[in-house]
Amino acid sequence: MANNQADHLYEKTIKTKQIFEGKVISLQVDDVELPNGNLAKREIVKHQGAVAVLPISNDNKMIAVRQFRKPLERSIIEIPAGKLEKGEEPLECAKRELAEETGYTAKNITHISSFYTSPGFADELLHLYVAKDLTAGELNLDEDEFVEVLHLTLEEAKELHATGEIRDAKTVLALFAWENDMLKEQRS
């Protein structure tokens, strides 16, 4: 059921039709009864959840990856991220994704925030971490994954955001968190 503070906004599911079941997502169409009694359809993407990691090197650079994203038909620069495996804890997934995509391990990984990526049509919950005290290692990419590892200062990352090379929500949010953290350190 819905949050008690917003029960008057609840949409009751009347029927669910499974449209697609894939490796990363599934798609369903729900018939719902709206708060005013009318009926509507909701197209819903189901996702197991994911993590993203903002790795900050010992020389205060963000470790990022450039990779091709088929839905965009272009490469973009992102922080390391990946899907939670069934039963996997977000912190363990963050450690795994950091090592796989960048080759780095971290002595210090801290949770920043968890947020829904696109709640208008998807239930994906993404857990964002910052990783510090990094040690370099070897990349261990999935067989269908190809990335270029980058080391960026905050100013370089902000410029890449301004030019549109950094455009995905998790990386933009991570940049703002990094900048905010640096500003707090300067004030101390």
Protein backbone atom coordinates (compact mmCIF):
# COMPACT_ATOMS: atom_id res chain seq x y z
CA MET A 1 0.00 0.00 0.00
CA ALA A 2 0.99 3.61 -0.23
CA ASN A 3 2.63 5.94 2.27
CA ASN A 4 -0.03 6.82 4.90
CA GLN A 5 0.61 10.54 4.41
CA ALA A 6 -0.36 10.26 0.75
CA ASP A 7 -3.02 7.52 0.67
CA HIS A 8 -5.32 9.90 -1.18
CA LEU A 9 -2.87 9.79 -4.13
CA TYR A 10 -2.61 5.98 -4.33
CA GLU A 11 -3.23 4.27 -7.68
CA LYS A 12 -4.71 0.79 -7.19
CA THR A 13 -3.43 -1.85 -9.64
CA ILE A 14 -6.30 -3.66 -11.33
CA LYS A 15 -4.30 -5.81 -13.76
CA THR A 16 -0.66 -6.32 -14.75
CA LYS A 17 0.46 -7.54 -18.17
CA GLN A 18 4.09 -8.70 -18.52
CA ILE A 19 5.44 -7.42 -21.87
CA PHE A 20 9.16 -8.28 -21.75
CA GLU A 21 11.58 -10.08 -19.43
CA GLY A 22 15.24 -9.34 -20.15
CA LYS A 23 18.66 -9.67 -18.54
CA VAL A 24 18.68 -6.09 -17.18
CA ILE A 25 15.04 -4.96 -17.17
CA SER A 26 11.49 -6.18 -17.49
CA LEU A 27 8.55 -4.21 -18.84
CA GLN A 28 4.96 -4.42 -17.70
CA VAL A 29 1.77 -2.50 -18.37
CA ASP A 30 -0.52 -1.97 -15.39
CA ASP A 31 -4.16 -0.99 -15.53
CA VAL A 32 -4.73 1.26 -12.50
CA GLU A 33 -7.60 2.96 -10.79
CA LEU A 34 -6.78 6.62 -10.18
CA PRO A 35 -7.69 8.46 -6.97
CA ASN A 36 -10.71 9.99 -8.74
CA GLY A 37 -12.01 6.54 -9.82
CA ASN A 38 -10.96 6.81 -13.47
CA LEU A 39 -8.82 4.12 -15.10
CA ALA A 40 -5.38 4.59 -16.68
CA LYS A 41 -2.47 2.55 -18.01
CA ARG A 42 1.06 2.74 -16.58
CA GLU A 43 4.09 1.42 -18.51
CA ILE A 44 6.59 0.29 -15.89
CA VAL A 45 10.23 -0.73 -16.24
CA LYS A 46 11.32 -3.05 -13.41
CA HIS A 47 15.02 -3.06 -12.50
CA GLN A 48 16.91 -4.88 -9.77
CA GLY A 49 18.73 -1.72 -8.68
CA ALA A 50 22.25 -0.48 -9.21
CA VAL A 51 25.23 1.25 -7.66
CA ALA A 52 27.55 3.99 -8.80
CA VAL A 53 30.93 4.93 -7.35
CA LEU A 54 32.68 8.29 -7.34
CA PRO A 55 36.34 7.24 -7.02
CA ILE A 56 38.63 10.06 -5.86
CA SER A 57 42.33 9.29 -6.29
CA ASN A 58 45.00 10.17 -3.76
CA ASP A 59 45.95 13.15 -6.00
CA ASN A 60 42.32 14.38 -5.86
CA LYS A 61 41.17 13.28 -9.32
CA MET A 62 37.95 11.53 -10.25
CA ILE A 63 38.42 8.14 -11.90
CA ALA A 64 35.81 7.96 -14.66
CA VAL A 65 35.09 5.78 -17.65
CA ARG A 66 34.22 6.69 -21.21
CA GLN A 67 31.94 4.14 -22.81
CA PHE A 68 29.55 3.81 -25.69
CA ARG A 69 25.87 3.90 -24.74
CA LYS A 70 23.69 2.37 -27.44
CA PRO A 71 20.45 4.18 -26.45
CA LEU A 72 22.31 7.48 -26.99
CA GLU A 73 24.30 6.27 -30.04
CA ARG A 74 27.41 7.89 -28.59
CA SER A 75 30.09 7.60 -25.95
CA ILE A 76 29.78 9.50 -22.69
CA ILE A 77 31.91 9.87 -19.59
CA GLU A 78 30.51 8.36 -16.40
CA ILE A 79 31.52 7.22 -12.97
CA PRO A 80 31.77 3.42 -12.60
CA ALA A 81 28.38 1.80 -12.08
CA GLY A 82 26.56 -1.45 -12.44
CA LYS A 83 23.54 -3.57 -11.69
CA LEU A 84 23.04 -5.30 -8.37
CA GLU A 85 23.13 -9.08 -8.64
CA LYS A 86 20.30 -10.98 -6.97
CA GLY A 87 20.85 -10.84 -3.19
CA GLU A 88 23.97 -8.65 -3.48
CA GLU A 89 24.44 -5.85 -0.95
CA PRO A 90 24.96 -2.40 -2.52
CA LEU A 91 28.34 -1.85 -0.79
CA GLU A 92 29.68 -5.16 -2.13
CA CYS A 93 28.41 -4.28 -5.61
CA ALA A 94 30.13 -0.88 -5.36
CA LYS A 95 33.46 -2.55 -4.53
CA ARG A 96 33.01 -5.04 -7.38
CA GLU A 97 32.08 -2.42 -9.98
CA LEU A 98 34.95 -0.13 -8.93
CA ALA A 99 37.47 -2.96 -9.36
CA GLU A 100 35.95 -4.31 -12.60
CA GLU A 101 35.65 -1.01 -14.44
CA THR A 102 38.70 0.90 -13.18
CA GLY A 103 41.02 -1.69 -11.67
CA TYR A 104 41.04 0.24 -8.37
CA THR A 105 40.19 -0.92 -4.86
CA ALA A 106 39.40 1.45 -2.01
CA LYS A 107 40.15 1.40 1.71
CA ASN A 108 37.33 3.89 2.32
CA ILE A 109 33.91 3.67 0.63
CA THR A 110 31.10 5.85 1.96
CA HIS A 111 27.44 5.96 0.98
CA ILE A 112 26.39 9.39 -0.36
CA SER A 113 22.75 8.84 -1.30
CA SER A 114 20.23 6.47 -2.84
CA PHE A 115 17.75 7.74 -5.39
CA TYR A 116 15.25 6.62 -8.01
CA THR A 117 16.64 7.25 -11.46
CA SER A 118 13.37 7.77 -13.38
CA PRO A 119 10.36 7.25 -11.08
CA GLY A 120 7.88 8.28 -13.76
CA PHE A 121 8.34 4.91 -15.50
CA ALA A 122 11.01 2.85 -13.68
CA ASP A 123 11.55 1.46 -10.18
CA GLU A 124 15.38 1.45 -10.38
CA LEU A 125 16.97 2.54 -7.10
CA LEU A 126 20.59 3.63 -7.49
CA HIS A 127 23.00 3.70 -4.53
CA LEU A 128 25.78 6.29 -4.86
CA TYR A 129 29.10 5.90 -3.04
CA VAL A 130 32.36 7.85 -2.83
CA ALA A 131 35.58 5.80 -2.77
CA LYS A 132 38.87 7.14 -1.39
CA ASP A 133 42.30 5.79 -0.39
CA LEU A 134 42.54 4.02 -3.74
CA THR A 135 44.99 1.35 -4.83
CA ALA A 136 45.53 0.64 -8.53
CA GLY A 137 45.02 -2.84 -9.92
CA GLU A 138 43.91 -4.59 -13.10
CA LEU A 139 40.69 -4.03 -15.07
CA ASN A 140 38.28 -6.96 -15.02
CA LEU A 141 35.55 -5.93 -17.48
CA ASP A 142 32.52 -8.00 -18.44
CA GLU A 143 32.94 -9.66 -21.84
CA ASP A 144 30.54 -7.18 -23.47
CA GLU A 145 32.00 -4.10 -21.76
CA PHE A 146 34.56 -1.73 -23.29
CA VAL A 147 35.74 1.37 -21.45
CA GLU A 148 38.47 3.96 -21.44
CA VAL A 149 39.58 4.93 -17.90
CA LEU A 150 40.08 8.67 -17.29
CA HIS A 151 41.58 10.68 -14.41
CA LEU A 152 39.89 14.09 -14.16
CA THR A 153 40.27 17.09 -11.91
CA LEU A 154 37.06 18.69 -10.68
CA GLU A 155 37.55 21.55 -13.14
CA GLU A 156 38.08 19.14 -16.06
CA ALA A 157 34.98 17.18 -15.06
CA LYS A 158 32.90 20.36 -14.79
CA GLU A 159 34.06 21.40 -18.27
CA LEU A 160 33.10 17.97 -19.66
CA HIS A 161 29.69 18.42 -18.04
CA ALA A 162 29.36 21.85 -19.65
CA THR A 163 30.18 20.41 -23.09
CA GLY A 164 27.76 17.50 -22.70
CA GLU A 165 30.28 14.68 -22.44
CA ILE A 166 29.15 14.12 -18.84
CA ARG A 167 25.38 14.08 -18.98
CA ASP A 168 24.04 11.10 -17.03
CA ALA A 169 22.25 11.77 -13.73
CA LYS A 170 24.45 9.66 -11.46
CA THR A 171 27.66 11.33 -12.63
CA VAL A 172 26.21 14.85 -12.52
CA LEU A 173 24.95 14.23 -8.98
CA ALA A 174 28.35 12.82 -8.01
CA LEU A 175 30.10 15.92 -9.43
CA PHE A 176 27.88 18.21 -7.36
CA ALA A 177 28.54 16.10 -4.25
CA TRP A 178 32.31 16.20 -4.91
CA GLU A 179 32.29 19.96 -5.45
CA ASN A 180 30.21 20.48 -2.31
CA ASP A 181 32.60 18.29 -0.30
CA MET A 182 35.60 20.25 -1.60
CA LEU A 183 33.93 23.55 -0.71
CA LYS A 184 33.27 22.29 2.82
CA GLU A 185 36.94 21.27 3.15
CA GLN A 186 38.07 24.74 1.99
CA ARG A 187 35.87 26.39 4.63
CA SER A 188 37.30 24.23 7.42
